[in-house]
Amino acid sequence: MSNNEQEWVSKTQMKKQMDSLQDLGMQLTKLSADTLKKIGLSEDLYEAVVTYKKITSNGALKRQAQYIGRLMRDTDPEPIERYLAKLRGENAAHNAFLQRVEQARDRLIAGDDALTAFIADYPHADAGKLRTLIRNTRKEQESNKPPKNFRALFQEIKAVMDGGHTDADDGVQEEDFE
């Protein structure tokens, strides 16, 4: 066999690969349009997934699912699988990072000296914004109000610890799923 020839693959094996790609494509149909844009799908695949969501007829849904599967054959599934795993929280490194963010938030809420240490570790952080969020979070907790500032503080700390990226697309957001 020469280097140019592909390894022989059985028909059953090919069908399993195609089915798994179609299943991956169907997982995309459960995501919001904004999240789909973040994944960086090809224009055709993005349109096919968005169109699938609009279809109500069972026969048309089946045809569109097959079309998505066909488009998935020309797409590298690896980045999609990684992104979906991150959304599901299966990425251990990402989970550890989120735990560090939670611990930092808890320390910042607990005492004022923690902010000085945090700013020393992350000099690019906006101390004024953090101070305001911490103060508002403490008031919120004392008044038993909904944790709006508590969440905002988490997102701010996460952005700072992530290297200054303000995109909140790394964590699972309610608007990621429809």
N, C-alpha and C. Protein backbone atom coordinates (compact mmCIF):
# COMPACT_ATOMS: atom_id res chain seq x y z
N MET A 1 0.84 -1.19 0.00
CA MET A 1 0.00 0.00 0.00
C MET A 1 0.88 1.25 0.00
N SER A 2 0.58 2.22 -0.83
CA SER A 2 1.38 3.45 -0.87
C SER A 2 0.87 4.44 0.20
N ASN A 3 1.64 5.49 0.42
CA ASN A 3 1.29 6.50 1.43
C ASN A 3 0.03 7.27 1.07
N ASN A 4 -0.28 7.37 -0.23
CA ASN A 4 -1.43 8.15 -0.66
C ASN A 4 -2.75 7.43 -0.43
N GLU A 5 -2.71 6.09 -0.31
CA GLU A 5 -3.94 5.34 -0.12
C GLU A 5 -4.38 5.45 1.34
N GLN A 6 -5.68 5.55 1.52
CA GLN A 6 -6.22 5.63 2.87
C GLN A 6 -6.39 4.23 3.43
N GLU A 7 -6.38 4.15 4.77
CA GLU A 7 -6.59 2.88 5.43
C GLU A 7 -8.03 2.45 5.16
N TRP A 8 -8.23 1.17 4.94
CA TRP A 8 -9.56 0.65 4.64
C TRP A 8 -10.44 0.78 5.87
N VAL A 9 -11.67 1.31 5.67
CA VAL A 9 -12.63 1.48 6.75
C VAL A 9 -13.90 0.75 6.35
N SER A 10 -14.42 -0.05 7.27
CA SER A 10 -15.63 -0.80 6.96
C SER A 10 -16.82 0.13 6.83
N LYS A 11 -17.83 -0.35 6.15
CA LYS A 11 -19.04 0.43 5.94
C LYS A 11 -19.72 0.73 7.29
N THR A 12 -19.70 -0.23 8.20
CA THR A 12 -20.28 -0.04 9.53
C THR A 12 -19.54 1.04 10.30
N GLN A 13 -18.22 1.00 10.19
CA GLN A 13 -17.41 2.00 10.88
C GLN A 13 -17.69 3.40 10.33
N MET A 14 -17.81 3.51 9.01
CA MET A 14 -18.11 4.80 8.39
C MET A 14 -19.47 5.31 8.86
N LYS A 15 -20.46 4.42 8.93
CA LYS A 15 -21.80 4.81 9.35
C LYS A 15 -21.78 5.29 10.80
N LYS A 16 -21.04 4.61 11.66
CA LYS A 16 -20.92 5.04 13.06
C LYS A 16 -20.30 6.43 13.16
N GLN A 17 -19.27 6.68 12.34
CA GLN A 17 -18.64 8.00 12.35
C GLN A 17 -19.62 9.07 11.89
N MET A 18 -20.38 8.78 10.85
CA MET A 18 -21.35 9.75 10.34
C MET A 18 -22.47 9.99 11.36
N ASP A 19 -22.92 8.92 12.02
CA ASP A 19 -23.96 9.07 13.05
C ASP A 19 -23.45 9.91 14.22
N SER A 20 -22.20 9.70 14.61
CA SER A 20 -21.66 10.48 15.73
C SER A 20 -21.52 11.95 15.35
N LEU A 21 -21.16 12.22 14.08
CA LEU A 21 -21.08 13.61 13.63
C LEU A 21 -22.47 14.25 13.60
N GLN A 22 -23.47 13.48 13.16
CA GLN A 22 -24.84 14.00 13.13
C GLN A 22 -25.33 14.26 14.56
N ASP A 23 -24.99 13.36 15.50
CA ASP A 23 -25.37 13.57 16.91
C ASP A 23 -24.72 14.83 17.47
N LEU A 24 -23.46 15.04 17.09
CA LEU A 24 -22.78 16.27 17.52
C LEU A 24 -23.48 17.49 16.95
N GLY A 25 -23.89 17.40 15.69
CA GLY A 25 -24.63 18.50 15.07
C GLY A 25 -25.96 18.75 15.77
N MET A 26 -26.62 17.68 16.22
CA MET A 26 -27.90 17.82 16.93
C MET A 26 -27.70 18.48 18.30
N GLN A 27 -26.55 18.26 18.91
CA GLN A 27 -26.25 18.94 20.17
C GLN A 27 -26.17 20.45 19.96
N LEU A 28 -25.71 20.84 18.78
CA LEU A 28 -25.62 22.26 18.45
C LEU A 28 -27.00 22.90 18.39
N THR A 29 -28.02 22.14 18.01
CA THR A 29 -29.37 22.70 17.88
C THR A 29 -29.96 23.09 19.22
N LYS A 30 -29.37 22.62 20.31
CA LYS A 30 -29.88 22.95 21.64
C LYS A 30 -29.27 24.24 22.19
N LEU A 31 -28.32 24.82 21.47
CA LEU A 31 -27.64 26.03 21.92
C LEU A 31 -28.30 27.28 21.36
N SER A 32 -28.11 28.39 22.05
CA SER A 32 -28.66 29.67 21.56
C SER A 32 -27.84 30.15 20.37
N ALA A 33 -28.41 31.07 19.61
CA ALA A 33 -27.74 31.61 18.42
C ALA A 33 -26.44 32.32 18.81
N ASP A 34 -26.44 33.05 19.92
CA ASP A 34 -25.23 33.75 20.37
C ASP A 34 -24.12 32.77 20.69
N THR A 35 -24.46 31.68 21.34
CA THR A 35 -23.45 30.67 21.69
C THR A 35 -22.91 30.02 20.43
N LEU A 36 -23.79 29.76 19.45
CA LEU A 36 -23.34 29.17 18.19
C LEU A 36 -22.32 30.07 17.50
N LYS A 37 -22.53 31.38 17.58
CA LYS A 37 -21.58 32.31 16.96
C LYS A 37 -20.21 32.24 17.64
N LYS A 38 -20.22 31.99 18.95
CA LYS A 38 -18.96 31.92 19.70
C LYS A 38 -18.14 30.70 19.32
N ILE A 39 -18.80 29.64 18.88
CA ILE A 39 -18.09 28.40 18.54
C ILE A 39 -17.28 28.59 17.26
N GLY A 40 -17.76 29.43 16.36
CA GLY A 40 -17.04 29.67 15.12
C GLY A 40 -17.35 28.63 14.05
N LEU A 41 -18.62 28.30 13.90
CA LEU A 41 -19.04 27.33 12.89
C LEU A 41 -18.94 27.95 11.50
N SER A 42 -18.89 27.09 10.48
CA SER A 42 -18.93 27.60 9.12
C SER A 42 -20.31 28.24 8.90
N GLU A 43 -20.38 29.14 7.94
CA GLU A 43 -21.63 29.86 7.68
C GLU A 43 -22.76 28.89 7.33
N ASP A 44 -22.46 27.90 6.48
CA ASP A 44 -23.48 26.93 6.08
C ASP A 44 -24.00 26.13 7.27
N LEU A 45 -23.09 25.67 8.12
CA LEU A 45 -23.49 24.87 9.28
C LEU A 45 -24.28 25.72 10.26
N TYR A 46 -23.84 26.95 10.47
CA TYR A 46 -24.56 27.85 11.38
C TYR A 46 -26.00 28.07 10.88
N GLU A 47 -26.14 28.36 9.59
CA GLU A 47 -27.47 28.58 9.00
C GLU A 47 -28.34 27.33 9.09
N ALA A 48 -27.72 26.17 8.87
CA ALA A 48 -28.48 24.92 8.93
C ALA A 48 -29.00 24.67 10.34
N VAL A 49 -28.19 24.96 11.35
CA VAL A 49 -28.61 24.74 12.74
C VAL A 49 -29.71 25.73 13.11
N VAL A 50 -29.56 26.99 12.72
CA VAL A 50 -30.58 27.99 13.02
C VAL A 50 -31.89 27.64 12.31
N THR A 51 -31.79 27.18 11.07
CA THR A 51 -32.98 26.78 10.31
C THR A 51 -33.67 25.60 10.99
N TYR A 52 -32.89 24.66 11.49
CA TYR A 52 -33.45 23.47 12.17
C TYR A 52 -34.36 23.90 13.32
N LYS A 53 -33.95 24.93 14.03
CA LYS A 53 -34.73 25.39 15.19
C LYS A 53 -36.08 25.97 14.79
N LYS A 54 -36.19 26.43 13.56
CA LYS A 54 -37.42 27.07 13.10
C LYS A 54 -38.42 26.07 12.51
N ILE A 55 -37.96 24.88 12.20
CA ILE A 55 -38.80 23.88 11.52
C ILE A 55 -39.70 23.19 12.54
N THR A 56 -40.96 22.97 12.14
CA THR A 56 -41.90 22.28 13.02
C THR A 56 -42.34 20.92 12.47
N SER A 57 -42.24 20.70 11.19
CA SER A 57 -42.67 19.45 10.56
C SER A 57 -41.64 18.34 10.85
N ASN A 58 -42.14 17.18 11.27
CA ASN A 58 -41.24 16.07 11.61
C ASN A 58 -40.38 15.62 10.43
N GLY A 59 -40.98 15.50 9.27
CA GLY A 59 -40.23 15.08 8.08
C GLY A 59 -39.14 16.07 7.73
N ALA A 60 -39.49 17.34 7.80
CA ALA A 60 -38.52 18.39 7.49
C ALA A 60 -37.39 18.41 8.53
N LEU A 61 -37.74 18.14 9.80
CA LEU A 61 -36.72 18.09 10.85
C LEU A 61 -35.72 16.97 10.57
N LYS A 62 -36.23 15.83 10.14
CA LYS A 62 -35.36 14.70 9.85
C LYS A 62 -34.41 15.03 8.68
N ARG A 63 -34.97 15.62 7.62
CA ARG A 63 -34.13 16.00 6.47
C ARG A 63 -33.08 17.03 6.87
N GLN A 64 -33.49 18.01 7.70
CA GLN A 64 -32.54 19.04 8.12
C GLN A 64 -31.46 18.43 9.01
N ALA A 65 -31.83 17.46 9.86
CA ALA A 65 -30.85 16.79 10.71
C ALA A 65 -29.82 16.05 9.85
N GLN A 66 -30.30 15.40 8.78
CA GLN A 66 -29.38 14.71 7.87
C GLN A 66 -28.47 15.71 7.15
N TYR A 67 -29.03 16.86 6.79
CA TYR A 67 -28.24 17.90 6.14
C TYR A 67 -27.15 18.41 7.10
N ILE A 68 -27.51 18.61 8.35
CA ILE A 68 -26.53 19.05 9.35
C ILE A 68 -25.43 17.99 9.48
N GLY A 69 -25.83 16.71 9.51
CA GLY A 69 -24.85 15.62 9.57
C GLY A 69 -23.91 15.64 8.37
N ARG A 70 -24.46 15.91 7.19
CA ARG A 70 -23.63 15.98 5.98
C ARG A 70 -22.64 17.14 6.06
N LEU A 71 -23.10 18.29 6.57
CA LEU A 71 -22.20 19.44 6.73
C LEU A 71 -21.13 19.17 7.78
N MET A 72 -21.49 18.40 8.81
CA MET A 72 -20.54 18.09 9.87
C MET A 72 -19.37 17.25 9.35
N ARG A 73 -19.59 16.49 8.27
CA ARG A 73 -18.49 15.67 7.71
C ARG A 73 -17.34 16.54 7.22
N ASP A 74 -17.65 17.76 6.80
CA ASP A 74 -16.62 18.68 6.28
C ASP A 74 -16.11 19.62 7.37
N THR A 75 -16.51 19.38 8.62
CA THR A 75 -16.14 20.25 9.73
C THR A 75 -15.27 19.48 10.71
N ASP A 76 -14.27 20.15 11.25
CA ASP A 76 -13.43 19.52 12.28
C ASP A 76 -14.24 19.47 13.58
N PRO A 77 -14.57 18.28 14.07
CA PRO A 77 -15.43 18.18 15.26
C PRO A 77 -14.72 18.53 16.56
N GLU A 78 -13.39 18.51 16.57
CA GLU A 78 -12.63 18.70 17.81
C GLU A 78 -12.95 20.01 18.54
N PRO A 79 -12.91 21.18 17.87
CA PRO A 79 -13.21 22.43 18.60
C PRO A 79 -14.66 22.46 19.11
N ILE A 80 -15.58 21.89 18.36
CA ILE A 80 -16.98 21.86 18.77
C ILE A 80 -17.12 21.00 20.02
N GLU A 81 -16.50 19.82 20.01
CA GLU A 81 -16.57 18.93 21.16
C GLU A 81 -15.96 19.57 22.40
N ARG A 82 -14.83 20.27 22.22
CA ARG A 82 -14.19 20.96 23.36
C ARG A 82 -15.10 22.03 23.93
N TYR A 83 -15.72 22.81 23.05
CA TYR A 83 -16.59 23.90 23.51
C TYR A 83 -17.81 23.34 24.24
N LEU A 84 -18.41 22.29 23.69
CA LEU A 84 -19.57 21.67 24.33
C LEU A 84 -19.18 21.07 25.68
N ALA A 85 -18.00 20.48 25.75
CA ALA A 85 -17.54 19.91 27.03
C ALA A 85 -17.37 21.02 28.06
N LYS A 86 -16.87 22.16 27.61
CA LYS A 86 -16.70 23.30 28.53
C LYS A 86 -18.06 23.78 29.01
N LEU A 87 -19.04 23.83 28.12
CA LEU A 87 -20.39 24.25 28.50
C LEU A 87 -21.02 23.27 29.50
N ARG A 88 -20.72 22.00 29.32
CA ARG A 88 -21.27 20.99 30.23
C ARG A 88 -20.49 20.91 31.53
N GLY A 89 -19.37 21.61 31.60
CA GLY A 89 -18.57 21.60 32.82
C GLY A 89 -17.69 20.38 32.95
N GLU A 90 -17.33 19.75 31.83
CA GLU A 90 -16.51 18.56 31.88
C GLU A 90 -15.02 18.87 31.84
N ASN A 91 -14.67 20.10 31.68
CA ASN A 91 -13.28 20.47 31.59
C ASN A 91 -12.73 20.68 33.00
N ALA A 92 -11.91 19.76 33.47
CA ALA A 92 -11.41 19.79 34.84
C ALA A 92 -10.60 21.05 35.13
N ALA A 93 -9.78 21.47 34.20
CA ALA A 93 -8.97 22.67 34.41
C ALA A 93 -9.87 23.91 34.55
N HIS A 94 -10.90 23.96 33.73
CA HIS A 94 -11.82 25.09 33.79
C HIS A 94 -12.59 25.08 35.11
N ASN A 95 -13.00 23.89 35.56
CA ASN A 95 -13.70 23.79 36.84
C ASN A 95 -12.81 24.24 37.98
N ALA A 96 -11.54 23.86 37.94
CA ALA A 96 -10.60 24.28 38.99
C ALA A 96 -10.44 25.80 38.97
N PHE A 97 -10.38 26.38 37.77
CA PHE A 97 -10.27 27.83 37.66
C PHE A 97 -11.50 28.52 38.28
N LEU A 98 -12.70 27.99 37.98
CA LEU A 98 -13.92 28.57 38.53
C LEU A 98 -13.95 28.45 40.06
N GLN A 99 -13.41 27.37 40.60
CA GLN A 99 -13.34 27.22 42.05
C GLN A 99 -12.40 28.26 42.66
N ARG A 100 -11.27 28.52 41.97
CA ARG A 100 -10.34 29.57 42.45
C ARG A 100 -11.02 30.93 42.44
N VAL A 101 -11.83 31.19 41.42
CA VAL A 101 -12.56 32.45 41.34
C VAL A 101 -13.54 32.56 42.52
N GLU A 102 -14.26 31.48 42.79
CA GLU A 102 -15.21 31.48 43.92
C GLU A 102 -14.49 31.72 45.24
N GLN A 103 -13.35 31.09 45.43
CA GLN A 103 -12.59 31.27 46.67
C GLN A 103 -12.11 32.71 46.80
N ALA A 104 -11.65 33.28 45.69
CA ALA A 104 -11.21 34.68 45.72
C ALA A 104 -12.38 35.59 46.07
N ARG A 105 -13.54 35.33 45.50
CA ARG A 105 -14.73 36.13 45.81
C ARG A 105 -15.07 36.02 47.28
N ASP A 106 -15.06 34.82 47.83
CA ASP A 106 -15.39 34.63 49.24
C ASP A 106 -14.40 35.38 50.15
N ARG A 107 -13.10 35.33 49.79
CA ARG A 107 -12.09 36.06 50.58
C ARG A 107 -12.32 37.57 50.51
N LEU A 108 -12.65 38.06 49.31
CA LEU A 108 -12.87 39.50 49.13
C LEU A 108 -14.08 39.98 49.92
N ILE A 109 -15.12 39.17 49.98
CA ILE A 109 -16.32 39.55 50.73
C ILE A 109 -16.05 39.49 52.23
N ALA A 110 -15.21 38.53 52.65
CA ALA A 110 -14.96 38.31 54.08
C ALA A 110 -14.16 39.43 54.73
N GLY A 111 -13.16 39.97 54.03
CA GLY A 111 -12.33 40.98 54.68
C GLY A 111 -11.75 41.99 53.72
N ASP A 112 -11.52 43.21 54.24
CA ASP A 112 -11.01 44.30 53.41
C ASP A 112 -9.55 44.11 52.99
N ASP A 113 -8.76 43.43 53.83
CA ASP A 113 -7.35 43.24 53.50
C ASP A 113 -7.16 42.30 52.30
N ALA A 114 -8.17 41.50 51.98
CA ALA A 114 -8.09 40.58 50.85
C ALA A 114 -8.02 41.34 49.52
N LEU A 115 -8.63 42.51 49.46
CA LEU A 115 -8.60 43.30 48.22
C LEU A 115 -7.17 43.76 47.92
N THR A 116 -6.45 44.18 48.94
CA THR A 116 -5.06 44.60 48.75
C THR A 116 -4.22 43.45 48.20
N ALA A 117 -4.40 42.27 48.75
CA ALA A 117 -3.66 41.10 48.28
C ALA A 117 -4.06 40.75 46.84
N PHE A 118 -5.35 40.86 46.55
CA PHE A 118 -5.83 40.54 45.21
C PHE A 118 -5.25 41.52 44.18
N ILE A 119 -5.24 42.80 44.52
CA ILE A 119 -4.68 43.81 43.61
C ILE A 119 -3.18 43.59 43.43
N ALA A 120 -2.49 43.14 44.47
CA ALA A 120 -1.06 42.84 44.35
C ALA A 120 -0.83 41.70 43.37
N ASP A 121 -1.71 40.69 43.40
CA ASP A 121 -1.59 39.56 42.49
C ASP A 121 -2.03 39.89 41.07
N TYR A 122 -3.01 40.78 40.95
CA TYR A 122 -3.58 41.15 39.65
C TYR A 122 -3.59 42.68 39.52
N PRO A 123 -2.43 43.28 39.21
CA PRO A 123 -2.34 44.75 39.16
C PRO A 123 -3.22 45.40 38.09
N HIS A 124 -3.64 44.65 37.09
CA HIS A 124 -4.49 45.21 36.03
C HIS A 124 -5.96 45.31 36.45
N ALA A 125 -6.28 44.81 37.64
CA ALA A 125 -7.67 44.84 38.12
C ALA A 125 -8.10 46.26 38.46
N ASP A 126 -9.37 46.56 38.24
CA ASP A 126 -9.94 47.87 38.56
C ASP A 126 -10.36 47.86 40.04
N ALA A 127 -9.51 48.42 40.89
CA ALA A 127 -9.74 48.38 42.34
C ALA A 127 -11.04 49.08 42.73
N GLY A 128 -11.33 50.20 42.10
CA GLY A 128 -12.56 50.94 42.42
C GLY A 128 -13.81 50.13 42.12
N LYS A 129 -13.81 49.49 40.96
CA LYS A 129 -14.96 48.68 40.57
C LYS A 129 -15.13 47.50 41.53
N LEU A 130 -14.03 46.85 41.85
CA LEU A 130 -14.08 45.72 42.78
C LEU A 130 -14.57 46.16 44.15
N ARG A 131 -14.05 47.29 44.64
CA ARG A 131 -14.45 47.80 45.94
C ARG A 131 -15.96 48.06 46.00
N THR A 132 -16.47 48.67 44.92
CA THR A 132 -17.91 48.95 44.84
C THR A 132 -18.72 47.66 44.82
N LEU A 133 -18.29 46.69 44.01
CA LEU A 133 -19.01 45.42 43.94
C LEU A 133 -18.98 44.68 45.28
N ILE A 134 -17.84 44.72 45.96
CA ILE A 134 -17.73 44.06 47.26
C ILE A 134 -18.68 44.72 48.26
N ARG A 135 -18.66 46.05 48.31
CA ARG A 135 -19.54 46.78 49.23
C ARG A 135 -21.02 46.46 48.94
N ASN A 136 -21.40 46.50 47.65
CA ASN A 136 -22.78 46.22 47.27
C ASN A 136 -23.17 44.77 47.56
N THR A 137 -22.23 43.84 47.40
CA THR A 137 -22.49 42.44 47.71
C THR A 137 -22.74 42.25 49.20
N ARG A 138 -21.94 42.91 50.01
CA ARG A 138 -22.12 42.80 51.47
C ARG A 138 -23.49 43.35 51.88
N LYS A 139 -23.86 44.51 51.32
CA LYS A 139 -25.18 45.09 51.63
C LYS A 139 -26.29 44.13 51.19
N GLU A 140 -26.10 43.56 50.01
CA GLU A 140 -27.07 42.63 49.44
C GLU A 140 -27.28 41.43 50.37
N GLN A 141 -26.18 40.90 50.88
CA GLN A 141 -26.27 39.73 51.77
C GLN A 141 -26.91 40.09 53.11
N GLU A 142 -26.60 41.28 53.63
CA GLU A 142 -27.19 41.71 54.90
C GLU A 142 -28.70 41.89 54.76
N SER A 143 -29.14 42.35 53.59
CA SER A 143 -30.57 42.62 53.35
C SER A 143 -31.31 41.41 52.81
N ASN A 144 -30.60 40.30 52.62
CA ASN A 144 -31.21 39.09 52.03
C ASN A 144 -31.85 39.38 50.68
N LYS A 145 -31.17 40.18 49.88
CA LYS A 145 -31.66 40.50 48.54
C LYS A 145 -31.13 39.46 47.54
N PRO A 146 -31.70 39.40 46.33
CA PRO A 146 -31.18 38.48 45.31
C PRO A 146 -29.71 38.79 45.01
N PRO A 147 -28.93 37.77 44.67
CA PRO A 147 -27.47 37.93 44.55
C PRO A 147 -26.99 38.55 43.23
N LYS A 148 -27.55 39.68 42.85
CA LYS A 148 -27.16 40.34 41.60
C LYS A 148 -25.70 40.79 41.65
N ASN A 149 -25.32 41.54 42.69
CA ASN A 149 -23.94 42.01 42.81
C ASN A 149 -22.98 40.88 43.11
N PHE A 150 -23.44 39.86 43.83
CA PHE A 150 -22.65 38.67 44.12
C PHE A 150 -22.19 38.03 42.82
N ARG A 151 -23.12 37.91 41.86
CA ARG A 151 -22.79 37.33 40.55
C ARG A 151 -21.90 38.28 39.74
N ALA A 152 -22.20 39.57 39.81
CA ALA A 152 -21.40 40.55 39.07
C ALA A 152 -19.96 40.54 39.58
N LEU A 153 -19.80 40.41 40.89
CA LEU A 153 -18.46 40.33 41.48
C LEU A 153 -17.73 39.10 40.96
N PHE A 154 -18.42 37.98 40.90
CA PHE A 154 -17.83 36.75 40.38
C PHE A 154 -17.34 36.96 38.94
N GLN A 155 -18.20 37.55 38.10
CA GLN A 155 -17.83 37.77 36.70
C GLN A 155 -16.63 38.71 36.57
N GLU A 156 -16.58 39.73 37.40
CA GLU A 156 -15.46 40.68 37.37
C GLU A 156 -14.17 39.99 37.79
N ILE A 157 -14.22 39.23 38.87
CA ILE A 157 -13.03 38.51 39.34
C ILE A 157 -12.58 37.51 38.29
N LYS A 158 -13.54 36.82 37.69
CA LYS A 158 -13.23 35.84 36.66
C LYS A 158 -12.53 36.50 35.47
N ALA A 159 -13.03 37.66 35.07
CA ALA A 159 -12.42 38.38 33.95
C ALA A 159 -10.99 38.80 34.30
N VAL A 160 -10.79 39.27 35.52
CA VAL A 160 -9.46 39.71 35.94
C VAL A 160 -8.50 38.52 35.99
N MET A 161 -8.95 37.43 36.60
CA MET A 161 -8.09 36.26 36.75
C MET A 161 -7.83 35.54 35.43
N ASP A 162 -8.71 35.75 34.47
CA ASP A 162 -8.57 35.12 33.15
C ASP A 162 -7.66 35.94 32.24
N GLY A 163 -7.05 36.98 32.78
CA GLY A 163 -6.13 37.77 32.00
C GLY A 163 -6.74 39.02 31.42
N GLY A 164 -7.84 39.48 32.01
CA GLY A 164 -8.43 40.73 31.56
C GLY A 164 -9.48 40.57 30.49
N HIS A 165 -9.77 39.34 30.09
CA HIS A 165 -10.84 39.14 29.11
C HIS A 165 -12.17 39.36 29.78
N THR A 166 -13.00 40.19 29.20
CA THR A 166 -14.30 40.48 29.80
C THR A 166 -15.40 39.60 29.24
N ASP A 167 -15.07 38.72 28.29
CA ASP A 167 -16.09 37.83 27.75
C ASP A 167 -16.49 36.83 28.80
N ALA A 168 -17.76 36.69 29.02
CA ALA A 168 -18.26 35.72 30.00
C ALA A 168 -18.67 34.43 29.32
N ASP A 169 -18.05 34.12 28.16
CA ASP A 169 -18.47 32.94 27.42
C ASP A 169 -17.76 31.68 27.85
N ASP A 170 -16.86 31.75 28.83
CA ASP A 170 -16.18 30.55 29.27
C ASP A 170 -17.03 29.71 30.20
N GLY A 171 -17.87 30.33 30.98
CA GLY A 171 -18.73 29.60 31.91
C GLY A 171 -20.06 29.32 31.29
N VAL A 172 -20.78 28.46 31.90
CA VAL A 172 -22.11 28.14 31.41
C VAL A 172 -23.05 29.26 31.84
N GLN A 173 -23.67 29.88 30.90
CA GLN A 173 -24.60 30.96 31.16
C GLN A 173 -26.00 30.45 30.84
N GLU A 174 -26.99 30.99 31.51
CA GLU A 174 -28.36 30.56 31.25
C GLU A 174 -28.76 30.80 29.81
N GLU A 175 -28.23 31.88 29.22
CA GLU A 175 -28.65 32.21 27.86
C GLU A 175 -27.94 31.34 26.82
N ASP A 176 -26.96 30.49 27.22
CA ASP A 176 -26.29 29.61 26.27
C ASP A 176 -27.24 28.54 25.74
N PHE A 177 -28.19 28.12 26.55
CA PHE A 177 -29.11 27.07 26.16
C PHE A 177 -30.51 27.68 25.98
N GLU A 178 -31.23 27.12 25.02
CA GLU A 178 -32.59 27.60 24.79
C GLU A 178 -33.59 26.61 25.32
